[in-house]
Amino acid sequence: MKRKVIIKKRFRDDLKNIFEYINKDSPQNAKKFKDEIRFQLERIKSHPSAYPKLEVKDLDNDNSEYRFAHYMKTFKIIYKIPNNLLIILGIVHDRQSPEVIANLKTEDHNEE
């Protein structure tokens, strides 16, 4: 099934901030990071239901399936798949609190 893909501003901002942080020490690793994230996004686009559901308190997984894909066992790409959409919400470090992830839902409704 072909889904319309929406990449939220939060995801683009997260990616930019992580890239810039890595780029300070290693431009080569920063480029590799960005390329690998693009590859991971293509995998998500191809098979969004193949990744685990996100289980976070106060995150309603009934109407929209919130899911995540790990990258390097350190970062989670958070997205949801309502109806025929794929909405890429953000990228977070595994050590970030569940509240940060839950906030992605709030931000999802406030920006395009």
N, C-alpha and C. Protein backbone atom coordinates (compact mmCIF):
# COMPACT_ATOMS: atom_id res chain seq x y z
N MET A 1 0.84 -1.18 0.00
CA MET A 1 0.00 0.00 0.00
C MET A 1 0.89 1.25 0.00
N LYS A 2 0.59 2.16 -0.88
CA LYS A 2 1.33 3.41 -0.97
C LYS A 2 0.77 4.39 0.05
N ARG A 3 1.63 4.88 0.93
CA ARG A 3 1.22 5.82 1.96
C ARG A 3 1.80 7.20 1.67
N LYS A 4 1.03 8.21 2.00
CA LYS A 4 1.56 9.57 1.96
C LYS A 4 2.48 9.71 3.16
N VAL A 5 3.66 10.29 2.94
CA VAL A 5 4.65 10.45 4.01
C VAL A 5 4.74 11.92 4.39
N ILE A 6 4.62 12.17 5.69
CA ILE A 6 4.77 13.52 6.23
C ILE A 6 5.93 13.49 7.22
N ILE A 7 6.89 14.35 7.00
CA ILE A 7 8.01 14.45 7.93
C ILE A 7 7.86 15.76 8.70
N LYS A 8 7.65 15.63 9.99
CA LYS A 8 7.39 16.80 10.84
C LYS A 8 8.65 17.62 11.07
N LYS A 9 8.44 18.89 11.35
CA LYS A 9 9.52 19.82 11.63
C LYS A 9 10.38 19.32 12.79
N ARG A 10 9.75 18.75 13.79
CA ARG A 10 10.49 18.24 14.96
C ARG A 10 11.54 17.22 14.52
N PHE A 11 11.19 16.32 13.62
CA PHE A 11 12.15 15.32 13.14
C PHE A 11 13.32 16.01 12.43
N ARG A 12 13.00 16.94 11.55
CA ARG A 12 14.07 17.65 10.82
C ARG A 12 14.98 18.40 11.78
N ASP A 13 14.39 19.04 12.78
CA ASP A 13 15.18 19.77 13.78
C ASP A 13 16.05 18.82 14.60
N ASP A 14 15.47 17.69 15.03
CA ASP A 14 16.23 16.70 15.80
C ASP A 14 17.42 16.20 14.98
N LEU A 15 17.16 15.86 13.74
CA LEU A 15 18.21 15.34 12.86
C LEU A 15 19.32 16.37 12.67
N LYS A 16 18.94 17.61 12.45
CA LYS A 16 19.91 18.68 12.26
C LYS A 16 20.77 18.85 13.51
N ASN A 17 20.15 18.86 14.68
CA ASN A 17 20.90 19.05 15.93
C ASN A 17 21.87 17.90 16.19
N ILE A 18 21.43 16.68 15.95
CA ILE A 18 22.31 15.53 16.15
C ILE A 18 23.46 15.57 15.15
N PHE A 19 23.13 15.88 13.90
CA PHE A 19 24.16 15.98 12.86
C PHE A 19 25.21 17.01 13.24
N GLU A 20 24.78 18.18 13.65
CA GLU A 20 25.72 19.25 14.02
C GLU A 20 26.59 18.85 15.21
N TYR A 21 26.00 18.16 16.17
CA TYR A 21 26.76 17.71 17.33
C TYR A 21 27.86 16.72 16.91
N ILE A 22 27.52 15.76 16.07
CA ILE A 22 28.50 14.78 15.60
C ILE A 22 29.54 15.45 14.71
N ASN A 23 29.08 16.39 13.90
CA ASN A 23 29.95 17.06 12.93
C ASN A 23 31.08 17.84 13.60
N LYS A 24 30.88 18.30 14.83
CA LYS A 24 31.92 19.03 15.55
C LYS A 24 33.19 18.20 15.69
N ASP A 25 33.02 16.92 15.97
CA ASP A 25 34.16 16.03 16.18
C ASP A 25 34.55 15.25 14.94
N SER A 26 33.57 14.94 14.10
CA SER A 26 33.85 14.07 12.96
C SER A 26 32.87 14.31 11.81
N PRO A 27 33.25 15.15 10.85
CA PRO A 27 32.39 15.36 9.69
C PRO A 27 32.08 14.06 8.95
N GLN A 28 33.04 13.16 8.93
CA GLN A 28 32.84 11.87 8.26
C GLN A 28 31.74 11.06 8.95
N ASN A 29 31.79 11.01 10.28
CA ASN A 29 30.76 10.27 11.01
C ASN A 29 29.39 10.96 10.92
N ALA A 30 29.40 12.28 10.85
CA ALA A 30 28.14 13.02 10.71
C ALA A 30 27.46 12.68 9.38
N LYS A 31 28.25 12.66 8.32
CA LYS A 31 27.70 12.30 7.01
C LYS A 31 27.19 10.87 7.01
N LYS A 32 27.94 9.97 7.62
CA LYS A 32 27.51 8.58 7.71
C LYS A 32 26.20 8.47 8.49
N PHE A 33 26.11 9.21 9.59
CA PHE A 33 24.89 9.21 10.39
C PHE A 33 23.69 9.64 9.54
N LYS A 34 23.84 10.74 8.84
CA LYS A 34 22.74 11.27 8.02
C LYS A 34 22.34 10.27 6.93
N ASP A 35 23.34 9.67 6.27
CA ASP A 35 23.06 8.69 5.22
C ASP A 35 22.33 7.46 5.78
N GLU A 36 22.77 7.01 6.95
CA GLU A 36 22.14 5.84 7.56
C GLU A 36 20.71 6.14 8.00
N ILE A 37 20.46 7.34 8.49
CA ILE A 37 19.09 7.72 8.86
C ILE A 37 18.21 7.73 7.62
N ARG A 38 18.70 8.24 6.52
CA ARG A 38 17.93 8.22 5.27
C ARG A 38 17.59 6.79 4.86
N PHE A 39 18.58 5.90 4.98
CA PHE A 39 18.36 4.50 4.65
C PHE A 39 17.29 3.90 5.57
N GLN A 40 17.38 4.21 6.86
CA GLN A 40 16.41 3.71 7.83
C GLN A 40 15.01 4.23 7.50
N LEU A 41 14.90 5.49 7.10
CA LEU A 41 13.60 6.05 6.73
C LEU A 41 13.00 5.31 5.53
N GLU A 42 13.83 4.95 4.59
CA GLU A 42 13.34 4.20 3.43
C GLU A 42 12.81 2.83 3.86
N ARG A 43 13.49 2.20 4.81
CA ARG A 43 13.02 0.91 5.33
C ARG A 43 11.68 1.08 6.05
N ILE A 44 11.56 2.16 6.82
CA ILE A 44 10.29 2.43 7.52
C ILE A 44 9.19 2.65 6.49
N LYS A 45 9.48 3.43 5.46
CA LYS A 45 8.47 3.71 4.42
C LYS A 45 8.01 2.42 3.74
N SER A 46 8.93 1.50 3.53
CA SER A 46 8.60 0.24 2.86
C SER A 46 7.76 -0.69 3.72
N HIS A 47 8.06 -0.73 5.03
CA HIS A 47 7.39 -1.68 5.93
C HIS A 47 7.14 -1.04 7.29
N PRO A 48 6.27 -0.04 7.37
CA PRO A 48 6.09 0.66 8.64
C PRO A 48 5.53 -0.21 9.77
N SER A 49 4.76 -1.21 9.43
CA SER A 49 4.17 -2.07 10.47
C SER A 49 5.14 -3.12 10.99
N ALA A 50 6.31 -3.20 10.41
CA ALA A 50 7.29 -4.21 10.82
C ALA A 50 8.00 -3.84 12.12
N TYR A 51 7.87 -2.62 12.55
CA TYR A 51 8.58 -2.16 13.74
C TYR A 51 7.65 -2.20 14.95
N PRO A 52 8.25 -2.27 16.15
CA PRO A 52 7.42 -2.41 17.35
C PRO A 52 6.61 -1.16 17.67
N LYS A 53 5.46 -1.42 18.33
CA LYS A 53 4.65 -0.31 18.81
C LYS A 53 5.38 0.35 19.98
N LEU A 54 5.15 1.63 20.08
CA LEU A 54 5.73 2.41 21.16
C LEU A 54 4.79 2.34 22.36
N GLU A 55 5.30 1.86 23.46
CA GLU A 55 4.50 1.73 24.68
C GLU A 55 4.96 2.79 25.68
N VAL A 56 4.24 3.90 25.71
CA VAL A 56 4.54 5.01 26.62
C VAL A 56 3.23 5.42 27.27
N LYS A 57 3.29 5.65 28.57
CA LYS A 57 2.10 6.09 29.30
C LYS A 57 1.54 7.37 28.64
N ASP A 58 0.24 7.47 28.59
CA ASP A 58 -0.47 8.61 28.02
C ASP A 58 -0.34 8.72 26.50
N LEU A 59 0.13 7.68 25.86
CA LEU A 59 0.22 7.69 24.40
C LEU A 59 -0.84 6.73 23.87
N ASP A 60 -1.88 7.29 23.28
CA ASP A 60 -3.01 6.49 22.80
C ASP A 60 -2.62 5.79 21.51
N ASN A 61 -2.50 4.48 21.58
CA ASN A 61 -2.11 3.70 20.41
C ASN A 61 -3.32 3.05 19.74
N ASP A 62 -4.52 3.53 20.05
CA ASP A 62 -5.71 2.93 19.48
C ASP A 62 -6.04 3.48 18.09
N ASN A 63 -6.09 4.79 17.95
CA ASN A 63 -6.46 5.39 16.67
C ASN A 63 -5.29 5.51 15.71
N SER A 64 -4.12 5.70 16.22
CA SER A 64 -2.91 5.80 15.41
C SER A 64 -1.88 4.87 16.02
N GLU A 65 -1.22 4.15 15.19
CA GLU A 65 -0.19 3.27 15.71
C GLU A 65 1.12 4.04 15.81
N TYR A 66 1.51 4.34 17.03
CA TYR A 66 2.81 4.95 17.27
C TYR A 66 3.84 3.84 17.31
N ARG A 67 4.89 3.99 16.54
CA ARG A 67 5.93 2.96 16.45
C ARG A 67 7.30 3.62 16.48
N PHE A 68 8.31 2.78 16.59
CA PHE A 68 9.68 3.29 16.57
C PHE A 68 10.60 2.31 15.86
N ALA A 69 11.65 2.87 15.30
CA ALA A 69 12.72 2.07 14.70
C ALA A 69 14.02 2.49 15.36
N HIS A 70 14.76 1.52 15.84
CA HIS A 70 16.05 1.82 16.45
C HIS A 70 17.09 2.11 15.37
N TYR A 71 17.96 3.02 15.69
CA TYR A 71 19.13 3.26 14.85
C TYR A 71 20.34 3.22 15.77
N MET A 72 21.26 2.35 15.48
CA MET A 72 22.50 2.18 16.25
C MET A 72 22.23 1.84 17.72
N LYS A 73 21.10 1.28 18.03
CA LYS A 73 20.72 0.92 19.40
C LYS A 73 20.78 2.10 20.36
N THR A 74 20.86 3.30 19.83
CA THR A 74 20.97 4.50 20.66
C THR A 74 19.82 5.47 20.41
N PHE A 75 19.38 5.56 19.18
CA PHE A 75 18.34 6.50 18.79
C PHE A 75 17.08 5.76 18.37
N LYS A 76 15.95 6.41 18.61
CA LYS A 76 14.67 5.89 18.15
C LYS A 76 14.07 6.91 17.19
N ILE A 77 13.69 6.43 16.03
CA ILE A 77 12.91 7.24 15.09
C ILE A 77 11.46 6.94 15.43
N ILE A 78 10.74 7.97 15.86
CA ILE A 78 9.36 7.81 16.30
C ILE A 78 8.43 8.23 15.15
N TYR A 79 7.44 7.40 14.89
CA TYR A 79 6.49 7.71 13.82
C TYR A 79 5.13 7.11 14.16
N LYS A 80 4.14 7.52 13.40
CA LYS A 80 2.82 6.92 13.55
C LYS A 80 2.25 6.62 12.17
N ILE A 81 1.34 5.66 12.14
CA ILE A 81 0.76 5.24 10.86
C ILE A 81 -0.78 5.20 10.94
N PRO A 82 -1.39 6.41 10.93
CA PRO A 82 -2.85 6.44 10.89
C PRO A 82 -3.34 6.30 9.45
N ASN A 83 -4.37 5.49 9.27
CA ASN A 83 -4.99 5.31 7.95
C ASN A 83 -3.94 5.07 6.87
N ASN A 84 -3.91 5.89 5.83
CA ASN A 84 -2.95 5.71 4.74
C ASN A 84 -1.80 6.70 4.81
N LEU A 85 -1.46 7.11 6.04
CA LEU A 85 -0.38 8.07 6.24
C LEU A 85 0.79 7.41 6.97
N LEU A 86 1.95 7.99 6.79
CA LEU A 86 3.13 7.68 7.59
C LEU A 86 3.66 9.03 8.03
N ILE A 87 3.62 9.28 9.34
CA ILE A 87 4.04 10.57 9.87
C ILE A 87 5.29 10.36 10.73
N ILE A 88 6.40 10.90 10.26
CA ILE A 88 7.67 10.80 10.98
C ILE A 88 7.68 11.95 11.99
N LEU A 89 7.68 11.62 13.27
CA LEU A 89 7.51 12.63 14.32
C LEU A 89 8.81 13.19 14.86
N GLY A 90 9.78 12.33 15.14
CA GLY A 90 11.01 12.82 15.75
C GLY A 90 12.03 11.72 15.89
N ILE A 91 13.20 12.11 16.33
CA ILE A 91 14.26 11.15 16.62
C ILE A 91 14.77 11.50 18.02
N VAL A 92 14.79 10.51 18.90
CA VAL A 92 15.17 10.74 20.29
C VAL A 92 16.25 9.75 20.71
N HIS A 93 17.03 10.16 21.68
CA HIS A 93 18.03 9.27 22.27
C HIS A 93 17.31 8.33 23.23
N ASP A 94 17.77 7.10 23.30
CA ASP A 94 17.14 6.12 24.20
C ASP A 94 17.11 6.56 25.65
N ARG A 95 18.04 7.38 26.05
CA ARG A 95 18.11 7.81 27.45
C ARG A 95 17.14 8.94 27.78
N GLN A 96 16.49 9.50 26.77
CA GLN A 96 15.53 10.55 27.05
C GLN A 96 14.32 9.96 27.76
N SER A 97 13.71 10.76 28.57
CA SER A 97 12.60 10.29 29.39
C SER A 97 11.38 10.00 28.51
N PRO A 98 10.49 9.13 28.98
CA PRO A 98 9.27 8.85 28.24
C PRO A 98 8.41 10.09 27.99
N GLU A 99 8.53 11.10 28.86
CA GLU A 99 7.76 12.32 28.67
C GLU A 99 8.13 13.02 27.36
N VAL A 100 9.42 12.96 27.00
CA VAL A 100 9.86 13.58 25.75
C VAL A 100 9.17 12.90 24.58
N ILE A 101 9.08 11.59 24.64
CA ILE A 101 8.41 10.85 23.57
C ILE A 101 6.92 11.16 23.57
N ALA A 102 6.30 11.21 24.73
CA ALA A 102 4.88 11.53 24.81
C ALA A 102 4.60 12.94 24.27
N ASN A 103 5.54 13.86 24.45
CA ASN A 103 5.38 15.22 23.94
C ASN A 103 5.33 15.26 22.41
N LEU A 104 5.89 14.27 21.76
CA LEU A 104 5.82 14.23 20.30
C LEU A 104 4.37 14.19 19.83
N LYS A 105 3.52 13.54 20.60
CA LYS A 105 2.10 13.47 20.25
C LYS A 105 1.49 14.87 20.28
N THR A 106 1.79 15.64 21.32
CA THR A 106 1.27 16.99 21.44
C THR A 106 1.77 17.87 20.31
N GLU A 107 3.07 17.78 20.03
CA GLU A 107 3.66 18.57 18.97
C GLU A 107 3.09 18.18 17.60
N ASP A 108 2.75 16.91 17.47
CA ASP A 108 2.21 16.41 16.22
C ASP A 108 0.96 17.17 15.80
N HIS A 109 0.15 17.57 16.76
CA HIS A 109 -1.09 18.28 16.43
C HIS A 109 -0.90 19.78 16.24
N ASN A 110 0.25 20.30 16.65
CA ASN A 110 0.46 21.74 16.61
C ASN A 110 1.28 22.24 15.42
N GLU A 111 1.85 21.37 14.67
CA GLU A 111 2.69 21.84 13.56
C GLU A 111 2.48 20.99 12.34
N GLU A 112 2.91 21.49 11.20
CA GLU A 112 2.80 20.73 9.95
C GLU A 112 4.10 20.75 9.22
